[in-house]
């Protein structure tokens, strides 16, 4: 599995480098009366990608934390129910006569 991850990293790095080399045109970025100097086109694209990736990872971490807490709660509930079932099994049977 590790060699697959390494191969994927090499392929993605190669593609990113090729993209950066092909998009070196200078652009100016403006937002809310703020403008940047001339930067290569790939820089704002990579920046947007990294900001989106970081936001996705942050969202994923909150979701994962929520699910871990729910799993822990369900394990505790399962343990209590198992104890109850075992206690009910140990009760003597009652005759209806």
PDB file of N, CA and C in Angstrom:
ATOM      1  N   UNK A   1       0.819  -1.197   0.000  1.00  0.00           N
ATOM      2  CA  UNK A   1       0.000   0.000   0.000  1.00  0.00           C
ATOM      3  C   UNK A   1       0.865   1.263   0.000  1.00  0.00           C
ATOM      4  N   UNK A   2       2.024   1.216   0.659  1.00  0.00           N
ATOM      5  CA  UNK A   2       2.879   2.402   0.721  1.00  0.00           C
ATOM      6  C   UNK A   2       3.406   2.801  -0.649  1.00  0.00           C
ATOM      7  N   UNK A   3       3.694   1.821  -1.493  1.00  0.00           N
ATOM      8  CA  UNK A   3       4.218   2.158  -2.811  1.00  0.00           C
ATOM      9  C   UNK A   3       3.149   2.819  -3.670  1.00  0.00           C
ATOM     10  N   UNK A   4       1.880   2.479  -3.427  1.00  0.00           N
ATOM     11  CA  UNK A   4       0.786   3.128  -4.164  1.00  0.00           C
ATOM     12  C   UNK A   4       0.697   4.597  -3.751  1.00  0.00           C
ATOM     13  N   UNK A   5       0.813   4.863  -2.449  1.00  0.00           N
ATOM     14  CA  UNK A   5       0.791   6.248  -1.971  1.00  0.00           C
ATOM     15  C   UNK A   5       1.967   7.037  -2.533  1.00  0.00           C
ATOM     16  N   UNK A   6       3.152   6.429  -2.540  1.00  0.00           N
ATOM     17  CA  UNK A   6       4.333   7.111  -3.074  1.00  0.00           C
ATOM     18  C   UNK A   6       4.161   7.404  -4.563  1.00  0.00           C
ATOM     19  N   UNK A   7       3.631   6.446  -5.304  1.00  0.00           N
ATOM     20  CA  UNK A   7       3.399   6.644  -6.733  1.00  0.00           C
ATOM     21  C   UNK A   7       2.392   7.765  -6.969  1.00  0.00           C
ATOM     22  N   UNK A   8       1.336   7.797  -6.171  1.00  0.00           N
ATOM     23  CA  UNK A   8       0.328   8.848  -6.293  1.00  0.00           C
ATOM     24  C   UNK A   8       0.929  10.223  -6.003  1.00  0.00           C
ATOM     25  N   UNK A   9       1.764  10.318  -4.985  1.00  0.00           N
ATOM     26  CA  UNK A   9       2.416  11.590  -4.661  1.00  0.00           C
ATOM     27  C   UNK A   9       3.323  12.035  -5.804  1.00  0.00           C
ATOM     28  N   UNK A  10       4.074  11.104  -6.369  1.00  0.00           N
ATOM     29  CA  UNK A  10       4.967  11.446  -7.485  1.00  0.00           C
ATOM     30  C   UNK A  10       4.160  11.933  -8.686  1.00  0.00           C
ATOM     31  N   UNK A  11       3.076  11.250  -9.002  1.00  0.00           N
ATOM     32  CA  UNK A  11       2.245  11.646 -10.145  1.00  0.00           C
ATOM     33  C   UNK A  11       1.627  13.024  -9.922  1.00  0.00           C
ATOM     34  N   UNK A  12       1.057  13.251  -8.735  1.00  0.00           N
ATOM     35  CA  UNK A  12       0.430  14.547  -8.455  1.00  0.00           C
ATOM     36  C   UNK A  12       1.453  15.676  -8.432  1.00  0.00           C
ATOM     37  N   UNK A  13       2.631  15.410  -7.895  1.00  0.00           N
ATOM     38  CA  UNK A  13       3.683  16.430  -7.879  1.00  0.00           C
ATOM     39  C   UNK A  13       4.131  16.764  -9.296  1.00  0.00           C
ATOM     40  N   UNK A  14       4.264  15.745 -10.119  1.00  0.00           N
ATOM     41  CA  UNK A  14       4.647  15.970 -11.514  1.00  0.00           C
ATOM     42  C   UNK A  14       3.592  16.798 -12.242  1.00  0.00           C
ATOM     43  N   UNK A  15       2.328  16.456 -12.045  1.00  0.00           N
ATOM     44  CA  UNK A  15       1.250  17.217 -12.692  1.00  0.00           C
ATOM     45  C   UNK A  15       1.219  18.664 -12.205  1.00  0.00           C
ATOM     46  N   UNK A  16       1.409  18.877 -10.900  1.00  0.00           N
ATOM     47  CA  UNK A  16       1.403  20.239 -10.362  1.00  0.00           C
ATOM     48  C   UNK A  16       2.567  21.049 -10.917  1.00  0.00           C
ATOM     49  N   UNK A  17       3.725  20.423 -11.039  1.00  0.00           N
ATOM     50  CA  UNK A  17       4.891  21.114 -11.599  1.00  0.00           C
ATOM     51  C   UNK A  17       4.663  21.464 -13.064  1.00  0.00           C
ATOM     52  N   UNK A  18       4.095  20.536 -13.819  1.00  0.00           N
ATOM     53  CA  UNK A  18       3.795  20.800 -15.230  1.00  0.00           C
ATOM     54  C   UNK A  18       2.777  21.930 -15.360  1.00  0.00           C
ATOM     55  N   UNK A  19       1.774  21.942 -14.490  1.00  0.00           N
ATOM     56  CA  UNK A  19       0.762  22.998 -14.506  1.00  0.00           C
ATOM     57  C   UNK A  19       1.408  24.348 -14.207  1.00  0.00           C
ATOM     58  N   UNK A  20       2.273  24.380 -13.196  1.00  0.00           N
ATOM     59  CA  UNK A  20       2.930  25.638 -12.830  1.00  0.00           C
ATOM     60  C   UNK A  20       3.821  26.137 -13.961  1.00  0.00           C
ATOM     61  N   UNK A  21       4.530  25.228 -14.607  1.00  0.00           N
ATOM     62  CA  UNK A  21       5.415  25.630 -15.705  1.00  0.00           C
ATOM     63  C   UNK A  21       4.623  26.155 -16.898  1.00  0.00           C
ATOM     64  N   UNK A  22       3.437  25.617 -17.115  1.00  0.00           N
ATOM     65  CA  UNK A  22       2.623  26.030 -18.263  1.00  0.00           C
ATOM     66  C   UNK A  22       1.836  27.309 -17.994  1.00  0.00           C
ATOM     67  N   UNK A  23       1.740  27.731 -16.730  1.00  0.00           N
ATOM     68  CA  UNK A  23       0.911  28.890 -16.382  1.00  0.00           C
ATOM     69  C   UNK A  23       1.723  29.929 -15.616  1.00  0.00           C
ATOM     70  N   UNK A  24       2.775  30.418 -16.240  1.00  0.00           N
ATOM     71  CA  UNK A  24       3.612  31.420 -15.590  1.00  0.00           C
ATOM     72  C   UNK A  24       3.219  32.844 -15.957  1.00  0.00           C
ATOM     73  N   UNK A  25       2.127  33.022 -16.669  1.00  0.00           N
ATOM     74  CA  UNK A  25       1.685  34.367 -17.038  1.00  0.00           C
ATOM     75  C   UNK A  25       1.407  35.172 -15.772  1.00  0.00           C
ATOM     76  N   UNK A  26       1.749  36.437 -15.809  1.00  0.00           N
ATOM     77  CA  UNK A  26       1.557  37.305 -14.643  1.00  0.00           C
ATOM     78  C   UNK A  26       0.126  37.836 -14.619  1.00  0.00           C
ATOM     79  N   UNK A  27      -0.471  37.824 -13.437  1.00  0.00           N
ATOM     80  CA  UNK A  27      -1.819  38.356 -13.248  1.00  0.00           C
ATOM     81  C   UNK A  27      -1.812  39.237 -12.010  1.00  0.00           C
ATOM     82  N   UNK A  28      -2.777  40.161 -11.975  1.00  0.00           N
ATOM     83  CA  UNK A  28      -2.968  40.986 -10.776  1.00  0.00           C
ATOM     84  C   UNK A  28      -4.307  40.594 -10.176  1.00  0.00           C
ATOM     85  N   UNK A  29      -4.320  40.449  -8.874  1.00  0.00           N
ATOM     86  CA  UNK A  29      -5.535  40.024  -8.188  1.00  0.00           C
ATOM     87  C   UNK A  29      -6.069  41.205  -7.391  1.00  0.00           C
ATOM     88  N   UNK A  30      -7.368  41.465  -7.537  1.00  0.00           N
ATOM     89  CA  UNK A  30      -7.998  42.542  -6.797  1.00  0.00           C
ATOM     90  C   UNK A  30      -9.186  42.020  -6.007  1.00  0.00           C
ATOM     91  N   UNK A  31      -9.317  42.529  -4.777  1.00  0.00           N
ATOM     92  CA  UNK A  31     -10.442  42.137  -3.932  1.00  0.00           C
ATOM     93  C   UNK A  31     -10.678  43.256  -2.927  1.00  0.00           C
ATOM     94  N   UNK A  32     -11.888  43.771  -2.897  1.00  0.00           N
ATOM     95  CA  UNK A  32     -12.296  44.795  -1.932  1.00  0.00           C
ATOM     96  C   UNK A  32     -11.298  45.960  -1.882  1.00  0.00           C
ATOM     97  N   UNK A  33     -11.042  46.563  -3.023  1.00  0.00           N
ATOM     98  CA  UNK A  33     -10.133  47.708  -3.149  1.00  0.00           C
ATOM     99  C   UNK A  33      -8.687  47.388  -2.775  1.00  0.00           C
ATOM    100  N   UNK A  34      -8.341  46.130  -2.694  1.00  0.00           N
ATOM    101  CA  UNK A  34      -6.958  45.714  -2.469  1.00  0.00           C
ATOM    102  C   UNK A  34      -6.479  45.016  -3.726  1.00  0.00           C
ATOM    103  N   UNK A  35      -5.303  45.370  -4.165  1.00  0.00           N
ATOM    104  CA  UNK A  35      -4.757  44.703  -5.345  1.00  0.00           C
ATOM    105  C   UNK A  35      -3.363  44.189  -5.023  1.00  0.00           C
ATOM    106  N   UNK A  36      -3.031  43.098  -5.645  1.00  0.00           N
ATOM    107  CA  UNK A  36      -1.694  42.528  -5.459  1.00  0.00           C
ATOM    108  C   UNK A  36      -0.797  42.979  -6.593  1.00  0.00           C
ATOM    109  N   UNK A  37       0.478  42.725  -6.436  1.00  0.00           N
ATOM    110  CA  UNK A  37       1.397  42.948  -7.543  1.00  0.00           C
ATOM    111  C   UNK A  37       1.209  41.827  -8.549  1.00  0.00           C
ATOM    112  N   UNK A  38       1.970  41.866  -9.591  1.00  0.00           N
ATOM    113  CA  UNK A  38       1.879  40.819 -10.609  1.00  0.00           C
ATOM    114  C   UNK A  38       2.463  39.522 -10.049  1.00  0.00           C
ATOM    115  N   UNK A  39       1.643  38.476 -10.046  1.00  0.00           N
ATOM    116  CA  UNK A  39       2.078  37.158  -9.563  1.00  0.00           C
ATOM    117  C   UNK A  39       1.797  36.137 -10.656  1.00  0.00           C
ATOM    118  N   UNK A  40       2.538  35.042 -10.673  1.00  0.00           N
ATOM    119  CA  UNK A  40       2.254  33.997 -11.666  1.00  0.00           C
ATOM    120  C   UNK A  40       0.847  33.429 -11.472  1.00  0.00           C
ATOM    121  N   UNK A  41       0.212  33.059 -12.557  1.00  0.00           N
ATOM    122  CA  UNK A  41      -1.166  32.566 -12.524  1.00  0.00           C
ATOM    123  C   UNK A  41      -1.330  31.348 -11.623  1.00  0.00           C
ATOM    124  N   UNK A  42      -0.326  30.482 -11.594  1.00  0.00           N
ATOM    125  CA  UNK A  42      -0.460  29.264 -10.797  1.00  0.00           C
ATOM    126  C   UNK A  42      -0.508  29.552  -9.301  1.00  0.00           C
ATOM    127  N   UNK A  43       0.062  30.667  -8.855  1.00  0.00           N
ATOM    128  CA  UNK A  43       0.103  30.964  -7.424  1.00  0.00           C
ATOM    129  C   UNK A  43      -1.288  31.145  -6.815  1.00  0.00           C
ATOM    130  N   UNK A  44      -2.181  31.988  -7.373  1.00  0.00           N
ATOM    131  CA  UNK A  44      -3.522  32.083  -6.779  1.00  0.00           C
ATOM    132  C   UNK A  44      -4.330  30.789  -6.928  1.00  0.00           C
ATOM    133  N   UNK A  45      -4.071  30.041  -7.991  1.00  0.00           N
ATOM    134  CA  UNK A  45      -4.798  28.778  -8.168  1.00  0.00           C
ATOM    135  C   UNK A  45      -4.379  27.780  -7.097  1.00  0.00           C
ATOM    136  N   UNK A  46      -3.065  27.636  -6.877  1.00  0.00           N
ATOM    137  CA  UNK A  46      -2.590  26.729  -5.830  1.00  0.00           C
ATOM    138  C   UNK A  46      -3.040  27.198  -4.448  1.00  0.00           C
ATOM    139  N   UNK A  47      -3.031  28.518  -4.235  1.00  0.00           N
ATOM    140  CA  UNK A  47      -3.469  29.053  -2.945  1.00  0.00           C
ATOM    141  C   UNK A  47      -4.935  28.721  -2.693  1.00  0.00           C
ATOM    142  N   UNK A  48      -5.771  28.909  -3.698  1.00  0.00           N
ATOM    143  CA  UNK A  48      -7.192  28.575  -3.553  1.00  0.00           C
ATOM    144  C   UNK A  48      -7.372  27.085  -3.286  1.00  0.00           C
ATOM    145  N   UNK A  49      -6.592  26.265  -3.971  1.00  0.00           N
ATOM    146  CA  UNK A  49      -6.665  24.819  -3.752  1.00  0.00           C
ATOM    147  C   UNK A  49      -6.279  24.468  -2.321  1.00  0.00           C
ATOM    148  N   UNK A  50      -5.184  25.038  -1.832  1.00  0.00           N
ATOM    149  CA  UNK A  50      -4.720  24.728  -0.475  1.00  0.00           C
ATOM    150  C   UNK A  50      -5.691  25.228   0.593  1.00  0.00           C
ATOM    151  N   UNK A  51      -6.274  26.407   0.388  1.00  0.00           N
ATOM    152  CA  UNK A  51      -7.263  26.920   1.343  1.00  0.00           C
ATOM    153  C   UNK A  51      -8.495  26.017   1.356  1.00  0.00           C
ATOM    154  N   UNK A  52      -8.942  25.589   0.195  1.00  0.00           N
ATOM    155  CA  UNK A  52     -10.080  24.665   0.129  1.00  0.00           C
ATOM    156  C   UNK A  52      -9.767  23.330   0.766  1.00  0.00           C
ATOM    157  N   UNK A  53      -8.561  22.833   0.542  1.00  0.00           N
ATOM    158  CA  UNK A  53      -8.143  21.566   1.145  1.00  0.00           C
ATOM    159  C   UNK A  53      -8.114  21.682   2.666  1.00  0.00           C
ATOM    160  N   UNK A  54      -7.566  22.786   3.174  1.00  0.00           N
ATOM    161  CA  UNK A  54      -7.508  22.991   4.624  1.00  0.00           C
ATOM    162  C   UNK A  54      -8.917  23.089   5.212  1.00  0.00           C
ATOM    163  N   UNK A  55      -9.816  23.790   4.519  1.00  0.00           N
ATOM    164  CA  UNK A  55     -11.200  23.876   4.990  1.00  0.00           C
ATOM    165  C   UNK A  55     -11.881  22.520   5.007  1.00  0.00           C
ATOM    166  N   UNK A  56     -11.634  21.724   3.985  1.00  0.00           N
ATOM    167  CA  UNK A  56     -12.202  20.377   3.946  1.00  0.00           C
ATOM    168  C   UNK A  56     -11.671  19.499   5.061  1.00  0.00           C
ATOM    169  N   UNK A  57     -10.381  19.589   5.335  1.00  0.00           N
ATOM    170  CA  UNK A  57      -9.792  18.799   6.416  1.00  0.00           C
ATOM    171  C   UNK A  57     -10.338  19.236   7.774  1.00  0.00           C
ATOM    172  N   UNK A  58     -10.530  20.537   7.953  1.00  0.00           N
ATOM    173  CA  UNK A  58     -11.096  21.041   9.197  1.00  0.00           C
ATOM    174  C   UNK A  58     -12.520  20.525   9.376  1.00  0.00           C
ATOM    175  N   UNK A  59     -13.307  20.586   8.320  1.00  0.00           N
ATOM    176  CA  UNK A  59     -14.671  20.069   8.364  1.00  0.00           C
ATOM    177  C   UNK A  59     -14.680  18.575   8.658  1.00  0.00           C
ATOM    178  N   UNK A  60     -13.775  17.846   8.030  1.00  0.00           N
ATOM    179  CA  UNK A  60     -13.676  16.408   8.254  1.00  0.00           C
ATOM    180  C   UNK A  60     -13.310  16.091   9.695  1.00  0.00           C
ATOM    181  N   UNK A  61     -12.424  16.888  10.286  1.00  0.00           N
ATOM    182  CA  UNK A  61     -12.023  16.623  11.668  1.00  0.00           C
ATOM    183  C   UNK A  61     -13.190  16.837  12.628  1.00  0.00           C
ATOM    184  N   UNK A  62     -14.015  17.868  12.388  1.00  0.00           N
ATOM    185  CA  UNK A  62     -15.186  18.070  13.240  1.00  0.00           C
ATOM    186  C   UNK A  62     -16.177  16.921  13.089  1.00  0.00           C
ATOM    187  N   UNK A  63     -16.391  16.489  11.862  1.00  0.00           N
ATOM    188  CA  UNK A  63     -17.309  15.380  11.610  1.00  0.00           C
ATOM    189  C   UNK A  63     -16.801  14.100  12.257  1.00  0.00           C
ATOM    190  N   UNK A  64     -15.512  13.857  12.135  1.00  0.00           N
ATOM    191  CA  UNK A  64     -14.915  12.649  12.727  1.00  0.00           C
ATOM    192  C   UNK A  64     -15.045  12.672  14.250  1.00  0.00           C
ATOM    193  N   UNK A  65     -14.805  13.836  14.848  1.00  0.00           N
ATOM    194  CA  UNK A  65     -14.930  13.963  16.308  1.00  0.00           C
ATOM    195  C   UNK A  65     -16.365  13.673  16.747  1.00  0.00           C
ATOM    196  N   UNK A  66     -17.324  14.194  16.009  1.00  0.00           N
ATOM    197  CA  UNK A  66     -18.733  13.963  16.330  1.00  0.00           C
ATOM    198  C   UNK A  66     -19.057  12.476  16.261  1.00  0.00           C
ATOM    199  N   UNK A  67     -18.586  11.793  15.218  1.00  0.00           N
ATOM    200  CA  UNK A  67     -18.872  10.372  15.078  1.00  0.00           C
ATOM    201  C   UNK A  67     -18.169   9.540  16.144  1.00  0.00           C
ATOM    202  N   UNK A  68     -16.959   9.926  16.530  1.00  0.00           N
ATOM    203  CA  UNK A  68     -16.259   9.200  17.591  1.00  0.00           C
ATOM    204  C   UNK A  68     -17.017   9.311  18.913  1.00  0.00           C
ATOM    205  N   UNK A  69     -17.550  10.500  19.196  1.00  0.00           N
ATOM    206  CA  UNK A  69     -18.324  10.683  20.428  1.00  0.00           C
ATOM    207  C   UNK A  69     -19.595   9.842  20.381  1.00  0.00           C
ATOM    208  N   UNK A  70     -20.241   9.783  19.229  1.00  0.00           N
ATOM    209  CA  UNK A  70     -21.452   8.978  19.091  1.00  0.00           C
ATOM    210  C   UNK A  70     -21.141   7.495  19.253  1.00  0.00           C
ATOM    211  N   UNK A  71     -20.035   7.036  18.703  1.00  0.00           N
ATOM    212  CA  UNK A  71     -19.641   5.631  18.851  1.00  0.00           C
ATOM    213  C   UNK A  71     -19.394   5.311  20.318  1.00  0.00           C
ATOM    214  N   UNK A  72     -18.709   6.196  21.038  1.00  0.00           N
ATOM    215  CA  UNK A  72     -18.446   5.961  22.462  1.00  0.00           C
ATOM    216  C   UNK A  72     -19.756   5.885  23.245  1.00  0.00           C
ATOM    217  N   UNK A  73     -20.700   6.781  22.934  1.00  0.00           N
ATOM    218  CA  UNK A  73     -22.004   6.753  23.606  1.00  0.00           C
ATOM    219  C   UNK A  73     -22.729   5.437  23.320  1.00  0.00           C
ATOM    220  N   UNK A  74     -22.704   4.990  22.072  1.00  0.00           N
ATOM    221  CA  UNK A  74     -23.382   3.744  21.713  1.00  0.00           C
ATOM    222  C   UNK A  74     -22.710   2.531  22.350  1.00  0.00           C
ATOM    223  N   UNK A  75     -21.399   2.562  22.514  1.00  0.00           N
ATOM    224  CA  UNK A  75     -20.704   1.460  23.200  1.00  0.00           C
ATOM    225  C   UNK A  75     -21.113   1.385  24.662  1.00  0.00           C
ATOM    226  N   UNK A  76     -21.225   2.541  25.310  1.00  0.00           N
ATOM    227  CA  UNK A  76     -21.666   2.554  26.708  1.00  0.00           C
ATOM    228  C   UNK A  76     -23.091   2.021  26.823  1.00  0.00           C
ATOM    229  N   UNK A  77     -23.962   2.446  25.921  1.00  0.00           N
ATOM    230  CA  UNK A  77     -25.345   1.965  25.929  1.00  0.00           C
ATOM    231  C   UNK A  77     -25.391   0.462  25.679  1.00  0.00           C
ATOM    232  N   UNK A  78     -24.577  -0.025  24.760  1.00  0.00           N
ATOM    233  CA  UNK A  78     -24.516  -1.454  24.470  1.00  0.00           C
ATOM    234  C   UNK A  78     -24.052  -2.233  25.693  1.00  0.00           C
ATOM    235  N   UNK A  79     -23.071  -1.708  26.408  1.00  0.00           N
ATOM    236  CA  UNK A  79     -22.575  -2.372  27.614  1.00  0.00           C
ATOM    237  C   UNK A  79     -23.673  -2.471  28.671  1.00  0.00           C
ATOM    238  N   UNK A  80     -24.427  -1.401  28.852  1.00  0.00           N
ATOM    239  CA  UNK A  80     -25.529  -1.430  29.821  1.00  0.00           C
ATOM    240  C   UNK A  80     -26.599  -2.437  29.411  1.00  0.00           C
ATOM    241  N   UNK A  81     -26.916  -2.481  28.132  1.00  0.00           N
ATOM    242  CA  UNK A  81     -27.926  -3.424  27.656  1.00  0.00           C
ATOM    243  C   UNK A  81     -27.444  -4.868  27.775  1.00  0.00           C
ATOM    244  N   UNK A  82     -26.163  -5.114  27.540  1.00  0.00           N
ATOM    245  CA  UNK A  82     -25.611  -6.461  27.709  1.00  0.00           C
ATOM    246  C   UNK A  82     -25.696  -6.893  29.170  1.00  0.00           C
ATOM    247  N   UNK A  83     -25.399  -5.977  30.072  1.00  0.00           N
ATOM    248  CA  UNK A  83     -25.513  -6.279  31.503  1.00  0.00           C
ATOM    249  C   UNK A  83     -26.954  -6.604  31.861  1.00  0.00           C
ATOM    250  N   UNK A  84     -27.891  -5.845  31.339  1.00  0.00           N
ATOM    251  CA  UNK A  84     -29.308  -6.095  31.616  1.00  0.00           C
ATOM    252  C   UNK A  84     -29.740  -7.455  31.077  1.00  0.00           C
ATOM    253  N   UNK A  85     -29.317  -7.803  29.881  1.00  0.00           N
ATOM    254  CA  UNK A  85     -29.662  -9.103  29.300  1.00  0.00           C
ATOM    255  C   UNK A  85     -29.085 -10.228  30.145  1.00  0.00           C
ATOM    256  N   UNK A  86     -27.841 -10.100  30.576  1.00  0.00           N
ATOM    257  CA  UNK A  86     -27.230 -11.134  31.412  1.00  0.00           C
ATOM    258  C   UNK A  86     -27.955 -11.274  32.743  1.00  0.00           C
ATOM    259  N   UNK A  87     -28.381 -10.156  33.328  1.00  0.00           N
ATOM    260  CA  UNK A  87     -29.131 -10.217  34.586  1.00  0.00           C
ATOM    261  C   UNK A  87     -30.484 -10.896  34.387  1.00  0.00           C
ATOM    262  N   UNK A  88     -31.134 -10.625  33.267  1.00  0.00           N
ATOM    263  CA  UNK A  88     -32.428 -11.254  33.003  1.00  0.00           C
ATOM    264  C   UNK A  88     -32.274 -12.744  32.732  1.00  0.00           C
ATOM    265  N   UNK A  89     -31.182 -13.166  32.160  1.00  0.00           N
ATOM    266  CA  UNK A  89     -30.948 -14.591  31.924  1.00  0.00           C
ATOM    267  C   UNK A  89     -30.753 -15.347  33.229  1.00  0.00           C
ATOM    268  N   UNK A  90     -30.222 -14.679  34.215  1.00  0.00           N
ATOM    269  CA  UNK A  90     -29.929 -15.335  35.485  1.00  0.00           C
ATOM    270  C   UNK A  90     -31.130 -15.394  36.420  1.00  0.00           C
ATOM    271  N   UNK A  91     -32.225 -14.739  36.070  1.00  0.00           N
ATOM    272  CA  UNK A  91     -33.425 -14.810  36.907  1.00  0.00           C
ATOM    273  C   UNK A  91     -34.037 -16.200  36.802  1.00  0.00           C
ATOM    274  N   UNK A  92     -34.528 -16.728  37.919  1.00  0.00           N
ATOM    275  CA  UNK A  92     -35.176 -18.045  37.837  1.00  0.00           C
ATOM    276  C   UNK A  92     -36.509 -17.935  37.089  1.00  0.00           C
ATOM    277  N   UNK A  93     -36.861 -19.014  36.398  1.00  0.00           N
ATOM    278  CA  UNK A  93     -38.140 -19.062  35.701  1.00  0.00           C
ATOM    279  C   UNK A  93     -39.259 -19.230  36.716  1.00  0.00           C
ATOM    280  N   UNK A  94     -40.386 -18.586  36.476  1.00  0.00           N
ATOM    281  CA  UNK A  94     -41.516 -18.684  37.394  1.00  0.00           C
ATOM    282  C   UNK A  94     -42.548 -19.637  36.811  1.00  0.00           C
ATOM    283  N   UNK A  95     -43.110 -20.498  37.691  1.00  0.00           N
ATOM    284  CA  UNK A  95     -44.191 -21.385  37.270  1.00  0.00           C
ATOM    285  C   UNK A  95     -45.496 -20.617  37.274  1.00  0.00           C
ATOM    286  N   UNK A  96     -46.376 -20.977  36.342  1.00  0.00           N
ATOM    287  CA  UNK A  96     -47.672 -20.309  36.270  1.00  0.00           C
ATOM    288  C   UNK A  96     -48.732 -21.098  37.023  1.00  0.00           C
ATOM    289  N   UNK A  97     -48.361 -22.114  37.757  1.00  0.00           N
ATOM    290  CA  UNK A  97     -49.338 -22.931  38.480  1.00  0.00           C
ATOM    291  C   UNK A  97     -49.657 -22.422  39.832  1.00  0.00           C
TER     292      UNK A  97
END
